[in-house]
Amino acid sequence: LCASTQKGNRPSYVRASRGEQAIALYDDFVRALSAAIGKPVANGVFGA
């Protein structure tokens, strides 16, 4: 979803966050969404 297609035909993913920061923010998002809706959020596996 962070792809840039501005140049050429191969998407660039340089804007995508890497590693631990991305995992932490994804986990924060899932927790925040679960709290906002009042029920668990099912999820995939980061990086799988």
All heavy atoms as atom14 arrays in JSON, in Angstrom:
{
  "sequence": "LCASTQKGNRPSYVRASRGEQAIALYDDFVRALSAAIGKPVANGVFGA",
  "atom14_mask": [
    [1, 1, 1, 1, 1, 1, 1, 1, 0, 0, 0, 0, 0, 0],
    [1, 1, 1, 1, 1, 1, 0, 0, 0, 0, 0, 0, 0, 0],
    [1, 1, 1, 1, 1, 0, 0, 0, 0, 0, 0, 0, 0, 0],
    [1, 1, 1, 1, 1, 1, 0, 0, 0, 0, 0, 0, 0, 0],
    [1, 1, 1, 1, 1, 1, 1, 0, 0, 0, 0, 0, 0, 0],
    [1, 1, 1, 1, 1, 1, 1, 1, 1, 0, 0, 0, 0, 0],
    [1, 1, 1, 1, 1, 1, 1, 1, 1, 0, 0, 0, 0, 0],
    [1, 1, 1, 1, 0, 0, 0, 0, 0, 0, 0, 0, 0, 0],
    [1, 1, 1, 1, 1, 1, 1, 1, 0, 0, 0, 0, 0, 0],
    [1, 1, 1, 1, 1, 1, 1, 1, 1, 1, 1, 0, 0, 0],
    [1, 1, 1, 1, 1, 1, 1, 0, 0, 0, 0, 0, 0, 0],
    [1, 1, 1, 1, 1, 1, 0, 0, 0, 0, 0, 0, 0, 0],
    [1, 1, 1, 1, 1, 1, 1, 1, 1, 1, 1, 1, 0, 0],
    [1, 1, 1, 1, 1, 1, 1, 0, 0, 0, 0, 0, 0, 0],
    [1, 1, 1, 1, 1, 1, 1, 1, 1, 1, 1, 0, 0, 0],
    [1, 1, 1, 1, 1, 0, 0, 0, 0, 0, 0, 0, 0, 0],
    [1, 1, 1, 1, 1, 1, 0, 0, 0, 0, 0, 0, 0, 0],
    [1, 1, 1, 1, 1, 1, 1, 1, 1, 1, 1, 0, 0, 0],
    [1, 1, 1, 1, 0, 0, 0, 0, 0, 0, 0, 0, 0, 0],
    [1, 1, 1, 1, 1, 1, 1, 1, 1, 0, 0, 0, 0, 0],
    [1, 1, 1, 1, 1, 1, 1, 1, 1, 0, 0, 0, 0, 0],
    [1, 1, 1, 1, 1, 0, 0, 0, 0, 0, 0, 0, 0, 0],
    [1, 1, 1, 1, 1, 1, 1, 1, 0, 0, 0, 0, 0, 0],
    [1, 1, 1, 1, 1, 0, 0, 0, 0, 0, 0, 0, 0, 0],
    [1, 1, 1, 1, 1, 1, 1, 1, 0, 0, 0, 0, 0, 0],
    [1, 1, 1, 1, 1, 1, 1, 1, 1, 1, 1, 1, 0, 0],
    [1, 1, 1, 1, 1, 1, 1, 1, 0, 0, 0, 0, 0, 0],
    [1, 1, 1, 1, 1, 1, 1, 1, 0, 0, 0, 0, 0, 0],
    [1, 1, 1, 1, 1, 1, 1, 1, 1, 1, 1, 0, 0, 0],
    [1, 1, 1, 1, 1, 1, 1, 0, 0, 0, 0, 0, 0, 0],
    [1, 1, 1, 1, 1, 1, 1, 1, 1, 1, 1, 0, 0, 0],
    [1, 1, 1, 1, 1, 0, 0, 0, 0, 0, 0, 0, 0, 0],
    [1, 1, 1, 1, 1, 1, 1, 1, 0, 0, 0, 0, 0, 0],
    [1, 1, 1, 1, 1, 1, 0, 0, 0, 0, 0, 0, 0, 0],
    [1, 1, 1, 1, 1, 0, 0, 0, 0, 0, 0, 0, 0, 0],
    [1, 1, 1, 1, 1, 0, 0, 0, 0, 0, 0, 0, 0, 0],
    [1, 1, 1, 1, 1, 1, 1, 1, 0, 0, 0, 0, 0, 0],
    [1, 1, 1, 1, 0, 0, 0, 0, 0, 0, 0, 0, 0, 0],
    [1, 1, 1, 1, 1, 1, 1, 1, 1, 0, 0, 0, 0, 0],
    [1, 1, 1, 1, 1, 1, 1, 0, 0, 0, 0, 0, 0, 0],
    [1, 1, 1, 1, 1, 1, 1, 0, 0, 0, 0, 0, 0, 0],
    [1, 1, 1, 1, 1, 0, 0, 0, 0, 0, 0, 0, 0, 0],
    [1, 1, 1, 1, 1, 1, 1, 1, 0, 0, 0, 0, 0, 0],
    [1, 1, 1, 1, 0, 0, 0, 0, 0, 0, 0, 0, 0, 0],
    [1, 1, 1, 1, 1, 1, 1, 0, 0, 0, 0, 0, 0, 0],
    [1, 1, 1, 1, 1, 1, 1, 1, 1, 1, 1, 0, 0, 0],
    [1, 1, 1, 1, 0, 0, 0, 0, 0, 0, 0, 0, 0, 0],
    [1, 1, 1, 1, 1, 0, 0, 0, 0, 0, 0, 0, 0, 0]
  ],
  "atom14_positions": [
    [[0.83, -1.22, 0.0], [0.0, 0.0, 0.0], [0.86, 1.26, 0.0], [0.38, 2.34, -0.31], [-0.93, 0.03, 1.22], [-2.09, -0.94, 1.21], [-2.88, -0.81, 2.5], [-2.99, -0.71, 0.01], [0.0, 0.0, 0.0], [0.0, 0.0, 0.0], [0.0, 0.0, 0.0], [0.0, 0.0, 0.0], [0.0, 0.0, 0.0], [0.0, 0.0, 0.0]],
    [[2.13, 1.12, 0.34], [3.05, 2.25, 0.39], [3.8, 2.43, -0.93], [4.73, 3.25, -1.01], [4.06, 2.05, 1.53], [3.28, 1.82, 3.13], [0.0, 0.0, 0.0], [0.0, 0.0, 0.0], [0.0, 0.0, 0.0], [0.0, 0.0, 0.0], [0.0, 0.0, 0.0], [0.0, 0.0, 0.0], [0.0, 0.0, 0.0], [0.0, 0.0, 0.0]],
    [[3.41, 1.7, -1.94], [4.1, 1.74, -3.23], [4.02, 3.12, -3.87], [3.0, 3.79, -3.81], [3.52, 0.7, -4.18], [0.0, 0.0, 0.0], [0.0, 0.0, 0.0], [0.0, 0.0, 0.0], [0.0, 0.0, 0.0], [0.0, 0.0, 0.0], [0.0, 0.0, 0.0], [0.0, 0.0, 0.0], [0.0, 0.0, 0.0], [0.0, 0.0, 0.0]],
    [[5.11, 3.48, -4.52], [5.14, 4.66, -5.37], [5.32, 4.17, -6.8], [6.22, 3.38, -7.09], [6.31, 5.58, -4.99], [6.44, 6.62, -5.95], [0.0, 0.0, 0.0], [0.0, 0.0, 0.0], [0.0, 0.0, 0.0], [0.0, 0.0, 0.0], [0.0, 0.0, 0.0], [0.0, 0.0, 0.0], [0.0, 0.0, 0.0], [0.0, 0.0, 0.0]],
    [[4.45, 4.64, -7.69], [4.53, 4.25, -9.09], [4.86, 5.45, -9.97], [4.61, 5.44, -11.17], [3.21, 3.6, -9.55], [2.15, 4.54, -9.34], [2.94, 2.32, -8.78], [0.0, 0.0, 0.0], [0.0, 0.0, 0.0], [0.0, 0.0, 0.0], [0.0, 0.0, 0.0], [0.0, 0.0, 0.0], [0.0, 0.0, 0.0], [0.0, 0.0, 0.0]],
    [[5.42, 6.47, -9.35], [5.7, 7.72, -10.05], [6.71, 7.52, -11.18], [6.58, 8.12, -12.24], [6.2, 8.76, -9.05], [6.29, 10.15, -9.62], [6.58, 11.16, -8.52], [7.09, 10.81, -7.46], [6.25, 12.39, -8.79], [0.0, 0.0, 0.0], [0.0, 0.0, 0.0], [0.0, 0.0, 0.0], [0.0, 0.0, 0.0], [0.0, 0.0, 0.0]],
    [[7.73, 6.72, -10.96], [8.78, 6.51, -11.97], [8.72, 5.09, -12.49], [8.69, 4.14, -11.72], [10.15, 6.75, -11.36], [10.45, 8.19, -11.04], [11.88, 8.29, -10.53], [12.25, 9.72, -10.27], [13.63, 9.82, -9.77], [0.0, 0.0, 0.0], [0.0, 0.0, 0.0], [0.0, 0.0, 0.0], [0.0, 0.0, 0.0], [0.0, 0.0, 0.0]],
    [[8.74, 4.95, -13.79], [8.83, 3.63, -14.4], [7.63, 2.75, -14.13], [6.55, 3.21, -13.77], [0.0, 0.0, 0.0], [0.0, 0.0, 0.0], [0.0, 0.0, 0.0], [0.0, 0.0, 0.0], [0.0, 0.0, 0.0], [0.0, 0.0, 0.0], [0.0, 0.0, 0.0], [0.0, 0.0, 0.0], [0.0, 0.0, 0.0], [0.0, 0.0, 0.0]],
    [[7.85, 1.46, -14.29], [6.77, 0.48, -14.14], [6.96, -0.47, -12.98], [6.09, -1.29, -12.71], [6.63, -0.33, -15.44], [6.19, 0.55, -16.58], [5.3, 1.38, -16.42], [6.83, 0.39, -17.73], [0.0, 0.0, 0.0], [0.0, 0.0, 0.0], [0.0, 0.0, 0.0], [0.0, 0.0, 0.0], [0.0, 0.0, 0.0], [0.0, 0.0, 0.0]],
    [[8.09, -0.38, -12.29], [8.31, -1.21, -11.13], [8.02, -0.36, -9.89], [8.69, 0.64, -9.65], [9.74, -1.72, -11.07], [9.98, -2.61, -9.85], [11.4, -3.03, -9.74], [11.74, -3.81, -10.93], [12.66, -4.73, -10.98], [13.38, -4.98, -9.92], [12.91, -5.39, -12.08], [0.0, 0.0, 0.0], [0.0, 0.0, 0.0], [0.0, 0.0, 0.0]],
    [[7.03, -0.74, -9.09], [6.73, 0.04, -7.89], [7.93, 0.12, -6.95], [8.69, -0.84, -6.81], [5.58, -0.73, -7.23], [4.99, -1.54, -8.32], [6.12, -1.89, -9.24], [0.0, 0.0, 0.0], [0.0, 0.0, 0.0], [0.0, 0.0, 0.0], [0.0, 0.0, 0.0], [0.0, 0.0, 0.0], [0.0, 0.0, 0.0], [0.0, 0.0, 0.0]],
    [[8.08, 1.26, -6.33], [9.11, 1.46, -5.32], [8.46, 1.41, -3.95], [7.4, 1.99, -3.74], [9.78, 2.83, -5.53], [10.61, 3.12, -4.43], [0.0, 0.0, 0.0], [0.0, 0.0, 0.0], [0.0, 0.0, 0.0], [0.0, 0.0, 0.0], [0.0, 0.0, 0.0], [0.0, 0.0, 0.0], [0.0, 0.0, 0.0], [0.0, 0.0, 0.0]],
    [[9.13, 0.74, -3.03], [8.6, 0.61, -1.66], [9.48, 1.32, -0.65], [9.47, 0.98, 0.53], [8.45, -0.87, -1.31], [7.58, -1.61, -2.29], [8.12, -2.47, -3.23], [6.21, -1.4, -2.3], [7.32, -3.13, -4.15], [5.4, -2.05, -3.22], [5.96, -2.91, -4.13], [5.16, -3.54, -5.05], [0.0, 0.0, 0.0], [0.0, 0.0, 0.0]],
    [[10.22, 2.32, -1.09], [11.14, 3.03, -0.19], [10.41, 3.75, 0.93], [10.99, 4.01, 1.98], [12.07, 4.01, -0.94], [12.96, 3.27, -1.91], [11.29, 5.11, -1.62], [0.0, 0.0, 0.0], [0.0, 0.0, 0.0], [0.0, 0.0, 0.0], [0.0, 0.0, 0.0], [0.0, 0.0, 0.0], [0.0, 0.0, 0.0], [0.0, 0.0, 0.0]],
    [[9.13, 4.07, 0.75], [8.36, 4.75, 1.8], [7.88, 3.79, 2.88], [7.49, 4.21, 3.97], [7.16, 5.47, 1.21], [7.54, 6.65, 0.34], [6.33, 7.45, -0.03], [5.56, 6.73, -1.05], [4.63, 7.29, -1.79], [4.32, 8.55, -1.64], [3.98, 6.58, -2.69], [0.0, 0.0, 0.0], [0.0, 0.0, 0.0], [0.0, 0.0, 0.0]],
    [[7.88, 2.49, 2.6], [7.39, 1.51, 3.57], [8.32, 1.44, 4.77], [9.54, 1.38, 4.62], [7.26, 0.14, 2.92], [0.0, 0.0, 0.0], [0.0, 0.0, 0.0], [0.0, 0.0, 0.0], [0.0, 0.0, 0.0], [0.0, 0.0, 0.0], [0.0, 0.0, 0.0], [0.0, 0.0, 0.0], [0.0, 0.0, 0.0], [0.0, 0.0, 0.0]],
    [[7.74, 1.46, 5.94], [8.52, 1.36, 7.18], [9.1, -0.04, 7.29], [8.53, -1.01, 6.81], [7.61, 1.65, 8.37], [8.35, 1.64, 9.56], [0.0, 0.0, 0.0], [0.0, 0.0, 0.0], [0.0, 0.0, 0.0], [0.0, 0.0, 0.0], [0.0, 0.0, 0.0], [0.0, 0.0, 0.0], [0.0, 0.0, 0.0], [0.0, 0.0, 0.0]],
    [[10.21, -0.14, 7.93], [10.91, -1.42, 8.06], [10.82, -1.97, 9.48], [10.68, -1.23, 10.44], [12.39, -1.25, 7.72], [12.66, -0.68, 6.34], [12.67, -1.78, 5.29], [13.13, -1.29, 4.0], [12.31, -0.97, 3.0], [11.02, -1.07, 3.15], [12.79, -0.54, 1.86], [0.0, 0.0, 0.0], [0.0, 0.0, 0.0], [0.0, 0.0, 0.0]],
    [[10.93, -3.28, 9.56], [11.18, -3.99, 10.79], [10.37, -3.65, 12.02], [9.15, -3.58, 11.98], [0.0, 0.0, 0.0], [0.0, 0.0, 0.0], [0.0, 0.0, 0.0], [0.0, 0.0, 0.0], [0.0, 0.0, 0.0], [0.0, 0.0, 0.0], [0.0, 0.0, 0.0], [0.0, 0.0, 0.0], [0.0, 0.0, 0.0], [0.0, 0.0, 0.0]],
    [[11.11, -3.47, 13.11], [10.51, -3.32, 14.42], [9.53, -2.17, 14.52], [8.49, -2.28, 15.18], [11.59, -3.19, 15.48], [12.39, -4.45, 15.69], [13.47, -4.29, 16.74], [13.45, -3.31, 17.49], [14.34, -5.18, 16.8], [0.0, 0.0, 0.0], [0.0, 0.0, 0.0], [0.0, 0.0, 0.0], [0.0, 0.0, 0.0], [0.0, 0.0, 0.0]],
    [[9.84, -1.04, 13.9], [8.92, 0.1, 13.96], [7.59, -0.24, 13.3], [6.53, 0.06, 13.84], [9.51, 1.34, 13.3], [8.54, 2.52, 13.38], [8.94, 3.7, 12.51], [9.81, 3.58, 11.65], [8.3, 4.82, 12.72], [0.0, 0.0, 0.0], [0.0, 0.0, 0.0], [0.0, 0.0, 0.0], [0.0, 0.0, 0.0], [0.0, 0.0, 0.0]],
    [[7.63, -0.88, 12.14], [6.4, -1.23, 11.44], [5.58, -2.24, 12.24], [4.36, -2.1, 12.35], [6.73, -1.78, 10.05], [0.0, 0.0, 0.0], [0.0, 0.0, 0.0], [0.0, 0.0, 0.0], [0.0, 0.0, 0.0], [0.0, 0.0, 0.0], [0.0, 0.0, 0.0], [0.0, 0.0, 0.0], [0.0, 0.0, 0.0], [0.0, 0.0, 0.0]],
    [[6.24, -3.23, 12.81], [5.53, -4.24, 13.61], [4.88, -3.57, 14.82], [3.71, -3.83, 15.13], [6.48, -5.37, 14.04], [6.93, -6.17, 12.83], [5.83, -6.28, 15.07], [8.08, -7.13, 13.1], [0.0, 0.0, 0.0], [0.0, 0.0, 0.0], [0.0, 0.0, 0.0], [0.0, 0.0, 0.0], [0.0, 0.0, 0.0], [0.0, 0.0, 0.0]],
    [[5.61, -2.71, 15.49], [5.06, -2.02, 16.68], [3.86, -1.17, 16.31], [2.84, -1.17, 17.03], [6.14, -1.17, 17.33], [0.0, 0.0, 0.0], [0.0, 0.0, 0.0], [0.0, 0.0, 0.0], [0.0, 0.0, 0.0], [0.0, 0.0, 0.0], [0.0, 0.0, 0.0], [0.0, 0.0, 0.0], [0.0, 0.0, 0.0], [0.0, 0.0, 0.0]],
    [[3.92, -0.45, 15.2], [2.79, 0.41, 14.8], [1.6, -0.42, 14.33], [0.45, -0.06, 14.59], [3.22, 1.4, 13.72], [4.06, 2.56, 14.23], [4.56, 3.42, 13.08], [3.28, 3.41, 15.22], [0.0, 0.0, 0.0], [0.0, 0.0, 0.0], [0.0, 0.0, 0.0], [0.0, 0.0, 0.0], [0.0, 0.0, 0.0], [0.0, 0.0, 0.0]],
    [[1.86, -1.53, 13.66], [0.77, -2.42, 13.27], [0.07, -2.97, 14.52], [-1.15, -2.96, 14.62], [1.29, -3.56, 12.39], [0.25, -4.61, 12.09], [-0.79, -4.34, 11.2], [0.29, -5.85, 12.7], [-1.75, -5.3, 10.92], [-0.66, -6.82, 12.42], [-1.68, -6.53, 11.53], [-2.64, -7.49, 11.28], [0.0, 0.0, 0.0], [0.0, 0.0, 0.0]],
    [[0.86, -3.42, 15.49], [0.29, -3.92, 16.75], [-0.49, -2.82, 17.48], [-1.57, -3.07, 18.02], [1.38, -4.48, 17.66], [1.96, -5.79, 17.14], [1.34, -6.44, 16.27], [3.05, -6.16, 17.61], [0.0, 0.0, 0.0], [0.0, 0.0, 0.0], [0.0, 0.0, 0.0], [0.0, 0.0, 0.0], [0.0, 0.0, 0.0], [0.0, 0.0, 0.0]],
    [[0.05, -1.59, 17.49], [-0.66, -0.45, 18.09], [-1.99, -0.22, 17.4], [-3.01, 0.01, 18.05], [0.17, 0.84, 18.0], [1.32, 0.88, 18.98], [1.33, 0.09, 19.94], [2.22, 1.73, 18.77], [0.0, 0.0, 0.0], [0.0, 0.0, 0.0], [0.0, 0.0, 0.0], [0.0, 0.0, 0.0], [0.0, 0.0, 0.0], [0.0, 0.0, 0.0]],
    [[-1.98, -0.29, 16.06], [-3.21, -0.09, 15.3], [-4.25, -1.14, 15.66], [-5.41, -0.82, 15.91], [-2.91, -0.11, 13.8], [-4.16, -0.18, 12.97], [-4.93, 0.96, 12.78], [-4.56, -1.37, 12.4], [-6.1, 0.9, 12.03], [-5.73, -1.44, 11.65], [-6.5, -0.31, 11.46], [0.0, 0.0, 0.0], [0.0, 0.0, 0.0], [0.0, 0.0, 0.0]],
    [[-3.84, -2.41, 15.69], [-4.79, -3.49, 16.0], [-5.36, -3.3, 17.41], [-6.57, -3.44, 17.62], [-4.12, -4.87, 15.84], [-4.99, -5.98, 16.41], [-3.81, -5.13, 14.37], [0.0, 0.0, 0.0], [0.0, 0.0, 0.0], [0.0, 0.0, 0.0], [0.0, 0.0, 0.0], [0.0, 0.0, 0.0], [0.0, 0.0, 0.0], [0.0, 0.0, 0.0]],
    [[-4.51, -2.95, 18.38], [-5.0, -2.71, 19.75], [-5.96, -1.53, 19.8], [-7.01, -1.59, 20.45], [-3.83, -2.47, 20.7], [-3.15, -3.73, 21.2], [-2.2, -3.44, 22.35], [-1.06, -2.62, 21.96], [0.06, -3.06, 21.43], [0.21, -4.36, 21.23], [1.03, -2.24, 21.12], [0.0, 0.0, 0.0], [0.0, 0.0, 0.0], [0.0, 0.0, 0.0]],
    [[-5.61, -0.44, 19.12], [-6.46, 0.76, 19.13], [-7.8, 0.48, 18.45], [-8.84, 0.94, 18.92], [-5.74, 1.92, 18.45], [0.0, 0.0, 0.0], [0.0, 0.0, 0.0], [0.0, 0.0, 0.0], [0.0, 0.0, 0.0], [0.0, 0.0, 0.0], [0.0, 0.0, 0.0], [0.0, 0.0, 0.0], [0.0, 0.0, 0.0], [0.0, 0.0, 0.0]],
    [[-7.78, -0.26, 17.36], [-9.03, -0.59, 16.67], [-9.9, -1.51, 17.53], [-11.11, -1.31, 17.63], [-8.75, -1.21, 15.3], [-9.96, -1.47, 14.41], [-10.8, -0.22, 14.21], [-9.51, -2.05, 13.08], [0.0, 0.0, 0.0], [0.0, 0.0, 0.0], [0.0, 0.0, 0.0], [0.0, 0.0, 0.0], [0.0, 0.0, 0.0], [0.0, 0.0, 0.0]],
    [[-9.27, -2.47, 18.16], [-10.01, -3.36, 19.06], [-10.68, -2.57, 20.18], [-11.85, -2.79, 20.5], [-9.07, -4.42, 19.62], [-9.76, -5.27, 20.5], [0.0, 0.0, 0.0], [0.0, 0.0, 0.0], [0.0, 0.0, 0.0], [0.0, 0.0, 0.0], [0.0, 0.0, 0.0], [0.0, 0.0, 0.0], [0.0, 0.0, 0.0], [0.0, 0.0, 0.0]],
    [[-9.95, -1.63, 20.77], [-10.52, -0.8, 21.84], [-11.65, 0.06, 21.31], [-12.68, 0.24, 21.97], [-9.42, 0.07, 22.46], [0.0, 0.0, 0.0], [0.0, 0.0, 0.0], [0.0, 0.0, 0.0], [0.0, 0.0, 0.0], [0.0, 0.0, 0.0], [0.0, 0.0, 0.0], [0.0, 0.0, 0.0], [0.0, 0.0, 0.0], [0.0, 0.0, 0.0]],
    [[-11.5, 0.6, 20.11], [-12.51, 1.5, 19.54], [-13.8, 0.77, 19.2], [-14.88, 1.36, 19.29], [-11.95, 2.19, 18.29], [0.0, 0.0, 0.0], [0.0, 0.0, 0.0], [0.0, 0.0, 0.0], [0.0, 0.0, 0.0], [0.0, 0.0, 0.0], [0.0, 0.0, 0.0], [0.0, 0.0, 0.0], [0.0, 0.0, 0.0], [0.0, 0.0, 0.0]],
    [[-13.71, -0.5, 18.8], [-14.92, -1.24, 18.43], [-15.43, -2.13, 19.57], [-16.52, -2.69, 19.47], [-14.74, -2.06, 17.14], [-13.7, -3.16, 17.33], [-14.39, -1.14, 15.98], [-13.59, -4.12, 16.14], [0.0, 0.0, 0.0], [0.0, 0.0, 0.0], [0.0, 0.0, 0.0], [0.0, 0.0, 0.0], [0.0, 0.0, 0.0], [0.0, 0.0, 0.0]],
    [[-14.62, -2.29, 20.6], [-15.06, -3.05, 21.76], [-15.07, -4.56, 21.56], [-15.8, -5.27, 22.26], [0.0, 0.0, 0.0], [0.0, 0.0, 0.0], [0.0, 0.0, 0.0], [0.0, 0.0, 0.0], [0.0, 0.0, 0.0], [0.0, 0.0, 0.0], [0.0, 0.0, 0.0], [0.0, 0.0, 0.0], [0.0, 0.0, 0.0], [0.0, 0.0, 0.0]],
    [[-14.27, -5.05, 20.64], [-14.16, -6.5, 20.45], [-12.83, -6.81, 19.79], [-12.2, -5.93, 19.2], [-15.33, -7.08, 19.66], [-15.48, -6.57, 18.25], [-16.44, -7.38, 17.39], [-17.89, -7.18, 17.68], [-18.77, -7.84, 16.69], [0.0, 0.0, 0.0], [0.0, 0.0, 0.0], [0.0, 0.0, 0.0], [0.0, 0.0, 0.0], [0.0, 0.0, 0.0]],
    [[-12.39, -8.05, 19.85], [-11.09, -8.42, 19.25], [-11.08, -8.21, 17.74], [-12.11, -8.33, 17.08], [-10.96, -9.91, 19.58], [-11.88, -10.16, 20.72], [-13.01, -9.18, 20.55], [0.0, 0.0, 0.0], [0.0, 0.0, 0.0], [0.0, 0.0, 0.0], [0.0, 0.0, 0.0], [0.0, 0.0, 0.0], [0.0, 0.0, 0.0], [0.0, 0.0, 0.0]],
    [[-9.91, -7.91, 17.24], [-9.67, -7.78, 15.81], [-8.84, -8.98, 15.36], [-7.75, -9.2, 15.89], [-8.92, -6.46, 15.49], [-8.49, -6.41, 14.04], [-9.78, -5.25, 15.85], [0.0, 0.0, 0.0], [0.0, 0.0, 0.0], [0.0, 0.0, 0.0], [0.0, 0.0, 0.0], [0.0, 0.0, 0.0], [0.0, 0.0, 0.0], [0.0, 0.0, 0.0]],
    [[-9.37, -9.73, 14.43], [-8.61, -10.84, 13.85], [-7.51, -10.25, 12.98], [-7.66, -9.14, 12.45], [-9.53, -11.74, 13.03], [0.0, 0.0, 0.0], [0.0, 0.0, 0.0], [0.0, 0.0, 0.0], [0.0, 0.0, 0.0], [0.0, 0.0, 0.0], [0.0, 0.0, 0.0], [0.0, 0.0, 0.0], [0.0, 0.0, 0.0], [0.0, 0.0, 0.0]],
    [[-6.4, -10.94, 12.85], [-5.33, -10.38, 12.02], [-4.5, -11.46, 11.38], [-4.54, -12.62, 11.76], [-4.47, -9.4, 12.83], [-3.93, -9.99, 14.09], [-3.2, -10.96, 14.05], [-4.3, -9.43, 15.22], [0.0, 0.0, 0.0], [0.0, 0.0, 0.0], [0.0, 0.0, 0.0], [0.0, 0.0, 0.0], [0.0, 0.0, 0.0], [0.0, 0.0, 0.0]],
    [[-3.72, -11.01, 10.4], [-2.76, -11.87, 9.73], [-1.48, -11.9, 10.53], [-1.45, -11.54, 11.71], [0.0, 0.0, 0.0], [0.0, 0.0, 0.0], [0.0, 0.0, 0.0], [0.0, 0.0, 0.0], [0.0, 0.0, 0.0], [0.0, 0.0, 0.0], [0.0, 0.0, 0.0], [0.0, 0.0, 0.0], [0.0, 0.0, 0.0], [0.0, 0.0, 0.0]],
    [[-0.4, -12.32, 9.89], [0.91, -12.38, 10.52], [1.81, -11.41, 9.78], [2.02, -11.54, 8.57], [1.49, -13.81, 10.48], [2.91, -13.84, 11.02], [0.6, -14.76, 11.24], [0.0, 0.0, 0.0], [0.0, 0.0, 0.0], [0.0, 0.0, 0.0], [0.0, 0.0, 0.0], [0.0, 0.0, 0.0], [0.0, 0.0, 0.0], [0.0, 0.0, 0.0]],
    [[2.33, -10.43, 10.5], [3.17, -9.41, 9.89], [4.33, -10.05, 9.13], [5.04, -10.89, 9.66], [3.71, -8.46, 10.96], [4.37, -7.24, 10.37], [3.66, -6.08, 10.2], [5.69, -7.27, 9.99], [4.25, -4.97, 9.64], [6.3, -6.17, 9.44], [5.57, -5.01, 9.26], [0.0, 0.0, 0.0], [0.0, 0.0, 0.0], [0.0, 0.0, 0.0]],
    [[4.48, -9.69, 7.86], [5.58, -10.17, 7.04], [5.41, -11.55, 6.44], [6.26, -12.01, 5.67], [0.0, 0.0, 0.0], [0.0, 0.0, 0.0], [0.0, 0.0, 0.0], [0.0, 0.0, 0.0], [0.0, 0.0, 0.0], [0.0, 0.0, 0.0], [0.0, 0.0, 0.0], [0.0, 0.0, 0.0], [0.0, 0.0, 0.0], [0.0, 0.0, 0.0]],
    [[4.34, -12.24, 6.78], [4.12, -13.59, 6.25], [3.59, -13.54, 4.82], [3.0, -12.55, 4.4], [3.14, -14.35, 7.14], [0.0, 0.0, 0.0], [0.0, 0.0, 0.0], [0.0, 0.0, 0.0], [0.0, 0.0, 0.0], [0.0, 0.0, 0.0], [0.0, 0.0, 0.0], [0.0, 0.0, 0.0], [0.0, 0.0, 0.0], [0.0, 0.0, 0.0]]
  ]
}
